Protein backbone atom coordinates (compact mmCIF):
# COMPACT_ATOMS: atom_id res chain seq x y z
CA MET A 1 45.02 0.65 54.57
CA LYS A 2 41.33 0.21 55.32
CA LYS A 3 40.46 3.58 53.79
CA THR A 4 42.43 2.83 50.63
CA THR A 5 40.67 -0.52 50.21
CA LEU A 6 37.24 1.06 50.58
CA PHE A 7 38.12 3.78 48.08
CA LEU A 8 39.32 1.24 45.50
CA LEU A 9 36.17 -0.83 46.02
CA SER A 10 33.98 2.24 45.34
CA VAL A 11 35.92 3.07 42.18
CA LEU A 12 35.64 -0.50 40.89
CA THR A 13 31.89 -0.62 41.62
CA ALA A 14 31.29 2.64 39.77
CA ALA A 15 33.41 1.54 36.83
CA THR A 16 31.51 -1.73 36.57
CA LEU A 17 28.17 0.08 36.64
CA TYR A 18 29.14 2.63 34.00
CA ALA A 19 30.60 -0.09 31.80
CA GLN A 20 27.30 -1.95 31.69
CA ASP A 21 26.03 -2.45 28.17
CA ILE A 22 22.75 -0.67 27.39
CA SER A 23 22.55 -2.28 23.94
CA GLY A 24 19.74 -4.67 23.12
CA GLN A 25 15.99 -4.88 23.58
CA TRP A 26 14.27 -3.08 26.45
CA ASN A 27 10.60 -3.60 27.25
CA GLY A 28 8.17 -1.35 29.11
CA VAL A 29 4.44 -0.86 29.72
CA LEU A 30 2.68 2.50 29.87
CA ASN A 31 -0.43 2.71 32.04
CA VAL A 32 -2.67 5.55 30.86
CA GLN A 33 -6.18 5.89 32.29
CA GLY A 34 -6.40 2.15 32.90
CA THR A 35 -5.12 1.20 29.45
CA GLN A 36 -1.86 -0.72 29.08
CA LEU A 37 0.38 0.11 26.14
CA ARG A 38 3.52 -1.96 25.56
CA LEU A 39 6.60 -0.16 24.23
CA VAL A 40 9.88 -1.72 23.09
CA PHE A 41 13.20 0.11 22.58
CA HIS A 42 15.93 -1.49 20.46
CA ILE A 43 19.28 0.14 21.30
CA ASP A 44 22.45 -0.38 19.23
CA LYS A 45 26.03 0.70 19.90
CA THR A 46 27.53 2.75 17.08
CA ALA A 47 30.98 4.14 16.33
CA THR A 48 29.97 7.51 17.78
CA GLY A 49 27.56 6.49 20.52
CA TYR A 50 24.12 4.87 20.31
CA SER A 51 21.08 4.63 18.05
CA ALA A 52 17.59 3.33 18.85
CA THR A 53 14.20 2.47 17.41
CA MET A 54 10.86 2.05 19.17
CA ASP A 55 8.02 -0.44 18.66
CA SER A 56 4.45 -0.07 19.89
CA PRO A 57 3.08 -3.61 19.44
CA ASP A 58 -0.43 -2.80 20.67
CA GLN A 59 -0.71 -0.05 18.03
CA GLY A 60 0.84 -2.12 15.25
CA ALA A 61 3.87 0.21 14.94
CA ALA A 62 7.46 -0.96 14.62
CA GLY A 63 10.91 0.47 13.87
CA ILE A 64 10.15 4.11 14.73
CA PRO A 65 13.62 5.75 14.59
CA ALA A 66 14.86 7.82 17.51
CA THR A 67 16.33 11.20 16.60
CA SER A 68 18.70 11.14 19.58
CA THR A 69 19.99 8.41 21.91
CA THR A 70 22.50 9.01 24.72
CA PHE A 71 23.81 6.88 27.58
CA GLU A 72 26.18 8.52 30.03
CA ASN A 73 26.94 7.74 33.67
CA ALA A 74 24.13 5.16 33.76
CA ASN A 75 21.60 7.73 32.48
CA LEU A 76 19.65 6.89 29.31
CA LYS A 77 17.84 9.43 27.17
CA ILE A 78 15.92 8.65 23.97
CA GLU A 79 14.13 11.30 21.90
CA ILE A 80 11.72 10.91 18.96
CA ALA A 81 11.21 14.52 17.95
CA ASN A 82 8.51 14.19 15.27
CA VAL A 83 6.03 12.66 17.74
CA ARG A 84 7.33 14.67 20.73
CA ILE A 85 8.43 11.59 22.69
CA GLU A 86 11.21 11.63 25.28
CA TYR A 87 12.28 8.79 27.56
CA THR A 88 14.77 9.34 30.39
CA GLY A 89 15.89 6.75 32.91
CA GLU A 90 18.68 5.45 35.08
CA LEU A 91 20.20 2.00 34.63
CA LYS A 92 20.03 0.12 37.92
CA GLU A 93 21.33 -3.45 37.81
CA ASN A 94 19.10 -5.20 35.24
CA ASN A 95 16.44 -2.56 34.63
CA VAL A 96 16.02 1.11 33.76
CA VAL A 97 13.93 3.23 36.12
CA GLY A 98 12.53 6.17 34.20
CA THR A 99 9.84 8.44 32.81
CA PHE A 100 8.10 8.52 29.43
CA LYS A 101 6.99 11.95 28.17
CA GLN A 102 4.87 12.90 25.19
CA ALA A 103 3.37 16.29 24.31
CA GLY A 104 4.20 17.61 27.77
CA GLN A 105 2.58 14.77 29.72
CA SER A 106 4.69 12.44 31.92
CA PHE A 107 4.17 8.81 32.86
CA PRO A 108 6.43 6.56 34.96
CA MET A 109 7.75 3.62 32.93
CA ASP A 110 10.54 1.19 33.79
CA LEU A 111 12.34 -0.90 31.18
CA LEU A 112 13.21 -4.58 31.55
CA ARG A 113 15.30 -6.94 29.44
CA GLU A 114 12.64 -9.66 29.41
CA GLU A 115 9.43 -9.34 27.43
CA ILE A 116 6.43 -8.09 29.39
CA ALA A 117 3.01 -9.68 29.03
CA LYS A 118 0.02 -7.39 29.16
CA LYS A 119 -1.89 -7.66 32.42
CA ALA A 120 -5.20 -9.36 31.71
CA VAL A 121 -8.30 -7.24 32.31
CA PHE A 122 -11.55 -8.91 33.29
CA ARG A 123 -14.35 -8.10 30.86
CA PRO A 124 -17.05 -10.68 31.62
CA GLN A 125 -19.43 -9.50 28.87
CA GLU A 126 -16.92 -9.77 26.02
CA PRO A 127 -17.91 -12.70 23.77
CA VAL A 128 -15.41 -15.46 23.02
CA LYS A 129 -15.16 -17.33 19.73
CA PRO A 130 -16.66 -19.50 18.41
CA TYR A 131 -19.79 -17.33 18.44
CA PRO A 132 -23.21 -19.03 18.34
CA TYR A 133 -24.06 -17.12 15.16
CA TYR A 134 -22.55 -16.31 11.75
CA SER A 135 -19.95 -13.55 11.54
CA GLU A 136 -18.30 -12.27 8.35
CA ASP A 137 -15.58 -9.68 7.69
CA VAL A 138 -16.79 -7.39 4.91
CA LYS A 139 -15.78 -4.30 2.92
CA PHE A 140 -17.88 -1.67 1.18
CA GLU A 141 -17.06 1.46 -0.82
CA ASN A 142 -17.77 5.12 -0.30
CA LYS A 143 -17.41 5.86 -4.03
CA LYS A 144 -17.95 9.57 -3.59
CA ASP A 145 -14.89 9.98 -1.33
CA HIS A 146 -12.91 6.99 -2.70
CA VAL A 147 -12.83 5.35 0.73
CA THR A 148 -13.02 1.63 1.50
CA LEU A 149 -14.67 0.78 4.83
CA ALA A 150 -13.79 -2.51 6.52
CA GLY A 151 -16.17 -4.04 9.01
CA THR A 152 -17.98 -7.07 10.39
CA LEU A 153 -21.48 -8.24 9.55
CA SER A 154 -22.95 -10.63 12.12
CA LEU A 155 -26.09 -12.63 11.32
CA PRO A 156 -28.20 -14.78 13.68
CA LYS A 157 -27.78 -17.59 11.14
CA LYS A 158 -25.90 -17.93 7.86
CA GLU A 159 -29.15 -18.42 5.96
CA GLY A 160 -32.37 -16.49 6.45
CA LYS A 161 -33.68 -12.92 6.46
CA PHE A 162 -33.16 -10.59 9.40
CA PRO A 163 -33.59 -6.97 10.47
CA VAL A 164 -30.28 -5.16 10.73
CA VAL A 165 -28.77 -2.46 12.93
CA LEU A 166 -25.94 -0.25 11.64
CA LEU A 167 -23.65 0.85 14.48
CA ILE A 168 -21.99 4.26 14.10
CA THR A 169 -19.12 5.39 16.34
CA GLY A 170 -18.87 8.74 18.11
CA SER A 171 -16.06 11.31 18.04
CA GLY A 172 -12.44 10.23 17.66
CA PRO A 173 -10.93 7.48 15.48
CA GLN A 174 -12.43 4.15 16.50
CA ASN A 175 -12.44 0.61 15.20
CA ARG A 176 -15.49 -1.58 14.58
CA ASP A 177 -15.58 -2.65 18.25
CA GLU A 178 -15.48 1.01 19.40
CA GLU A 179 -12.52 -0.15 21.47
CA LEU A 180 -11.38 2.11 24.30
CA LEU A 181 -9.89 1.74 27.78
CA GLY A 182 -9.94 -2.04 27.56
CA HIS A 183 -13.64 -2.17 26.64
CA LYS A 184 -15.29 -3.14 23.33
CA PRO A 185 -18.83 -1.71 23.59
CA PHE A 186 -19.82 -2.35 19.97
CA LEU A 187 -18.66 -5.97 20.15
CA VAL A 188 -20.77 -6.52 23.28
CA LEU A 189 -23.81 -4.71 21.81
CA SER A 190 -23.46 -6.54 18.49
CA ASP A 191 -23.20 -9.89 20.27
CA TYR A 192 -26.37 -9.24 22.30
CA LEU A 193 -28.40 -8.01 19.33
CA THR A 194 -27.34 -10.89 17.08
CA LYS A 195 -28.17 -13.47 19.75
CA ASN A 196 -31.65 -11.92 19.81
CA GLY A 197 -32.30 -12.29 16.09
CA ILE A 198 -30.95 -8.96 14.78
CA ALA A 199 -28.15 -8.67 12.21
CA VAL A 200 -25.48 -6.03 12.92
CA LEU A 201 -23.01 -4.17 10.71
CA ARG A 202 -20.18 -2.34 12.45
CA TYR A 203 -17.11 -0.92 10.74
CA ASP A 204 -13.77 0.82 11.32
CA ASP A 205 -13.84 4.61 10.94
CA ARG A 206 -12.13 5.89 7.78
CA GLY A 207 -8.35 5.93 8.21
CA THR A 208 -8.60 3.54 11.17
CA ALA A 209 -7.64 -0.15 11.42
CA GLY A 210 -8.76 -1.81 8.15
CA SER A 211 -10.46 1.21 6.56
CA THR A 212 -8.76 3.56 4.08
CA GLY A 213 -9.00 7.36 3.95
CA ASP A 214 -7.80 10.21 6.15
CA PHE A 215 -9.55 10.58 9.50
CA ASN A 216 -7.80 13.84 10.46
CA THR A 217 -9.16 15.88 7.55
CA ALA A 218 -12.72 14.54 7.76
CA THR A 219 -15.81 16.30 9.14
CA SER A 220 -19.07 14.88 10.47
CA LEU A 221 -20.48 15.32 6.95
CA ASP A 222 -17.73 13.07 5.58
CA PHE A 223 -18.44 10.43 8.23
CA ALA A 224 -22.15 10.68 7.36
CA SER A 225 -21.29 9.87 3.75
CA ASP A 226 -19.53 6.71 5.01
CA VAL A 227 -22.75 5.73 6.78
CA GLU A 228 -24.70 6.42 3.59
CA ALA A 229 -22.35 4.07 1.74
CA ALA A 230 -23.20 1.28 4.19
CA VAL A 231 -26.92 1.44 3.37
CA PRO A 232 -26.73 0.40 -0.32
CA TYR A 233 -24.22 -2.29 0.67
CA LEU A 234 -26.71 -3.78 3.13
CA LYS A 235 -29.39 -3.69 0.45
CA THR A 236 -27.23 -6.03 -1.66
CA ARG A 237 -27.28 -8.66 1.07
CA LYS A 238 -30.02 -11.27 0.58
CA GLU A 239 -30.11 -11.88 4.35
CA ILE A 240 -31.35 -8.34 5.15
CA PHE A 241 -35.06 -7.42 4.91
CA ASP A 242 -35.17 -4.25 7.03
CA LEU A 243 -32.86 -1.44 8.13
CA VAL A 244 -32.75 0.56 11.36
CA LYS A 245 -30.28 3.45 11.42
CA LYS A 246 -29.01 5.16 14.52
CA SER A 247 -28.87 8.16 13.61
CA SER A 248 -12.71 30.03 7.02
CA ASP A 249 -9.49 30.99 6.55
CA THR A 250 -7.31 28.55 8.52
CA ASP A 251 -4.34 30.85 9.24
CA LYS A 252 -6.58 33.65 10.51
CA LEU A 253 -8.60 31.17 12.53
CA LYS A 254 -5.49 29.80 14.24
CA THR A 255 -4.21 33.32 15.00
CA ASP A 256 -7.54 34.33 16.52
CA LEU A 257 -7.72 31.14 18.57
CA THR A 258 -4.14 31.56 19.81
CA ASN A 259 -4.86 35.09 21.04
CA TYR A 260 -8.14 33.99 22.60
CA ILE A 261 -6.60 31.06 24.50
CA LYS A 262 -3.70 33.22 25.74
CA GLN A 263 -6.23 35.70 27.13
CA ILE A 264 -7.98 32.86 28.94
CA LEU A 265 -4.66 31.66 30.40
CA LYS A 266 -4.01 35.09 31.88
CA SER A 267 -7.16 34.85 33.93
CA VAL A 268 -7.03 31.08 34.54
CA PRO A 269 -3.32 30.12 34.71
CA GLU A 270 -4.13 26.85 36.47
CA ALA A 271 -5.57 25.45 33.21
CA GLN A 272 -2.08 25.32 31.74
CA LYS A 273 -0.39 24.19 34.95
CA GLN A 274 -2.69 21.21 35.26
CA GLN A 275 -1.55 20.04 31.82
CA ASN A 276 2.08 19.96 33.03
CA MET A 277 3.39 21.61 29.88
CA PRO A 278 4.85 24.99 28.80
CA GLU A 279 2.34 27.69 27.86
CA ASP A 280 3.26 27.72 24.16
CA ALA A 281 2.83 23.94 23.92
CA PHE A 282 -0.52 24.11 25.74
CA VAL A 283 -1.79 26.91 23.49
CA LYS A 284 -0.73 25.04 20.33
CA LEU A 285 -2.49 21.88 21.52
CA GLN A 286 -5.76 23.79 22.11
CA VAL A 287 -5.52 25.64 18.79
CA ASP A 288 -4.88 22.43 16.83
CA GLN A 289 -7.91 20.77 18.42
CA LEU A 290 -10.25 23.72 17.96
CA SER A 291 -9.18 24.46 14.37
CA SER A 292 -9.44 20.88 13.08
CA PRO A 293 -11.94 20.35 10.22
CA TRP A 294 -14.09 18.10 12.39
CA MET A 295 -14.29 20.58 15.29
CA GLN A 296 -15.07 23.53 13.00
CA TYR A 297 -17.88 21.61 11.33
CA PHE A 298 -19.11 20.44 14.74
CA ILE A 299 -19.25 24.00 16.12
CA LYS A 300 -21.15 25.38 13.12
CA TYR A 301 -23.54 22.47 12.65
CA ASP A 302 -27.11 22.89 13.95
CA PRO A 303 -28.71 19.44 14.46
CA ALA A 304 -32.13 20.95 15.21
CA ILE A 305 -32.63 21.72 11.50
CA ILE A 306 -32.00 18.08 10.54
CA LEU A 307 -34.01 16.62 13.43
CA GLU A 308 -37.13 18.34 12.09
CA LYS A 309 -36.72 16.35 8.85
CA VAL A 310 -36.36 12.92 10.50
CA LYS A 311 -39.55 10.90 10.06
CA CYS A 312 -38.42 7.36 10.98
CA PRO A 313 -38.85 5.91 14.51
CA VAL A 314 -36.18 7.23 16.89
CA LEU A 315 -34.85 5.86 20.19
CA ALA A 316 -32.66 8.41 22.01
CA VAL A 317 -30.92 7.22 25.18
CA ASN A 318 -28.48 8.65 27.71
CA GLY A 319 -27.01 7.59 31.01
CA GLU A 320 -28.19 9.66 33.98
CA LYS A 321 -24.57 10.13 35.09
CA ASP A 322 -23.18 10.94 31.64
CA LEU A 323 -20.73 13.81 32.23
CA GLN A 324 -19.66 14.09 28.58
CA VAL A 325 -23.12 14.53 27.05
CA PRO A 326 -25.46 16.06 29.67
CA PRO A 327 -28.56 13.85 29.45
CA LYS A 328 -31.44 16.14 30.32
CA VAL A 329 -30.42 19.00 28.01
CA ASN A 330 -29.63 16.75 25.04
CA LEU A 331 -32.57 14.39 25.33
CA GLU A 332 -35.04 17.25 25.67
CA SER A 333 -33.52 19.02 22.65
CA ILE A 334 -33.70 15.86 20.55
CA LYS A 335 -37.32 15.32 21.57
CA THR A 336 -38.25 18.94 20.81
CA GLY A 337 -36.55 18.92 17.38
CA LEU A 338 -38.19 15.66 16.31
CA LYS A 339 -41.66 16.62 17.49
CA LYS A 340 -41.39 20.03 15.86
CA GLY A 341 -41.08 18.21 12.55
CA GLY A 342 -44.18 16.16 13.31
CA ASN A 343 -42.42 12.92 14.27
CA LYS A 344 -44.67 11.02 16.69
CA LYS A 345 -42.55 7.85 16.77
CA VAL A 346 -40.07 9.11 19.37
CA THR A 347 -38.87 7.22 22.45
CA ILE A 348 -36.65 9.04 24.93
CA LYS A 349 -35.00 7.27 27.87
CA GLU A 350 -32.54 8.33 30.56
CA PHE A 351 -31.06 5.26 32.25
CA PRO A 352 -30.55 5.72 36.02
CA ASN A 353 -27.00 5.36 37.36
CA LEU A 354 -25.33 4.84 33.95
CA ASN A 355 -22.38 6.83 32.55
CA HIS A 356 -21.44 7.92 29.01
CA LEU A 357 -20.55 4.33 28.04
CA PHE A 358 -23.80 2.96 29.55
CA GLN A 359 -21.90 1.32 32.41
CA GLU A 360 -23.30 1.09 35.93
CA CYS A 361 -21.09 3.55 37.83
CA LYS A 362 -20.53 5.58 40.99
CA THR A 363 -19.75 9.10 39.74
CA GLY A 364 -19.87 8.99 35.92
CA ALA A 365 -16.35 10.43 35.68
CA PRO A 366 -14.28 9.25 32.66
CA ASP A 367 -11.49 7.96 34.91
CA GLU A 368 -13.93 5.27 36.12
CA TYR A 369 -14.47 3.77 32.66
CA ALA A 370 -11.45 1.46 32.64
CA GLU A 371 -11.86 0.42 36.27
CA ILE A 372 -15.43 -0.84 35.77
CA GLU A 373 -15.58 -4.51 34.71
CA GLN A 374 -18.96 -4.09 33.03
CA THR A 375 -18.79 -2.94 29.40
CA PHE A 376 -22.50 -2.27 28.74
CA SER A 377 -25.41 -2.31 31.22
CA PRO A 378 -27.65 -5.39 30.73
CA VAL A 379 -30.70 -3.16 31.31
CA ALA A 380 -29.66 -0.87 28.44
CA LEU A 381 -28.87 -3.84 26.18
CA GLU A 382 -32.31 -5.34 26.82
CA ASP A 383 -34.22 -2.10 26.29
CA ILE A 384 -32.38 -1.26 23.04
CA THR A 385 -33.01 -4.77 21.70
CA LYS A 386 -36.70 -4.69 22.65
CA TRP A 387 -37.14 -1.36 20.87
CA VAL A 388 -35.49 -2.62 17.66
CA LEU A 389 -37.60 -5.79 17.63
CA GLY A 390 -40.69 -3.68 18.33
CA GLN A 391 -40.08 -1.59 15.21
CA VAL A 392 -39.77 -4.74 13.10
CA LYS A 393 -43.02 -6.15 14.52
CA ASN A 394 -44.89 -2.94 13.76
CA LYS A 395 -43.97 -3.04 10.06
């Protein structure tokens, strides 16, 4: 009798578990290189099974339809084929324990019924409104490319005349704060400069945040034309008296790159294994990156030719522990190119113990960026500001 009772109890427990309703809203948080990204799945029961959509609130995306949704024996699987997303998990009591995959990379992510608040990150340098200066959201046109750039102009005071710095982002689509890994370097830099009497214009890259246009098809030359469009806009502002600027056949190309990368993989198979994805997927990812318009322009472009033509004062800075842009090689090349053209107003500085983002760091490795509370070294902020004010004083 005991055995029968235990057997019936097991059957009833299993039946209850499998009968649990997966429908409704499920909330999760992805943690990628120190950045938190909230994801929300909305699952509905249909006549033939289940359907689902996904929201990404932190990216401003909602209602992304799943191409496949299944729930069998407490196992949930959601696929969004066009963006190569797959979520698999097991329903355990009131949560789903699972894994989020995209483009061959896997991240653990559990789903909960209740909404999840983003974990606060401590960024002591990030300014908080109200700012002690005037700040205005602005737009200006790149008429040549029919692009509208959205940005922020900050002024030490609403009335008056001030020197201005135009901040230009690096590679990759970035907003006006140059936001990445929980940091906002351009917001911190802009705040410091403006508090020290310098106006600042920073803007969203084309095709990013509030700016129109297509980022993916643009080259460095296109981005340069966006910068050029900012200059006449600043000249229309009565508050500004000075300006300091920081300064093939596709199918055949893809075939050649594919063959080249496959040859590399034969001799270095670990490169693909470390990416945790099939060889074909890894090869396609590399080919897409290397054959993009921006990368092709970047590879062919020779900055030395342009540096020889630059006659304005130049401040070139690097962090000593920058592992993305080797400081000594790049700074020396910049100095050589400028001086070859006869430019004698050149200041070169390598900041000790700073990384690519100008943070005080231990190793300089990118995986440190998000873990460091500091957004921008105070020493670098002070030196950059002093240099800008020095140029204004000399004019």
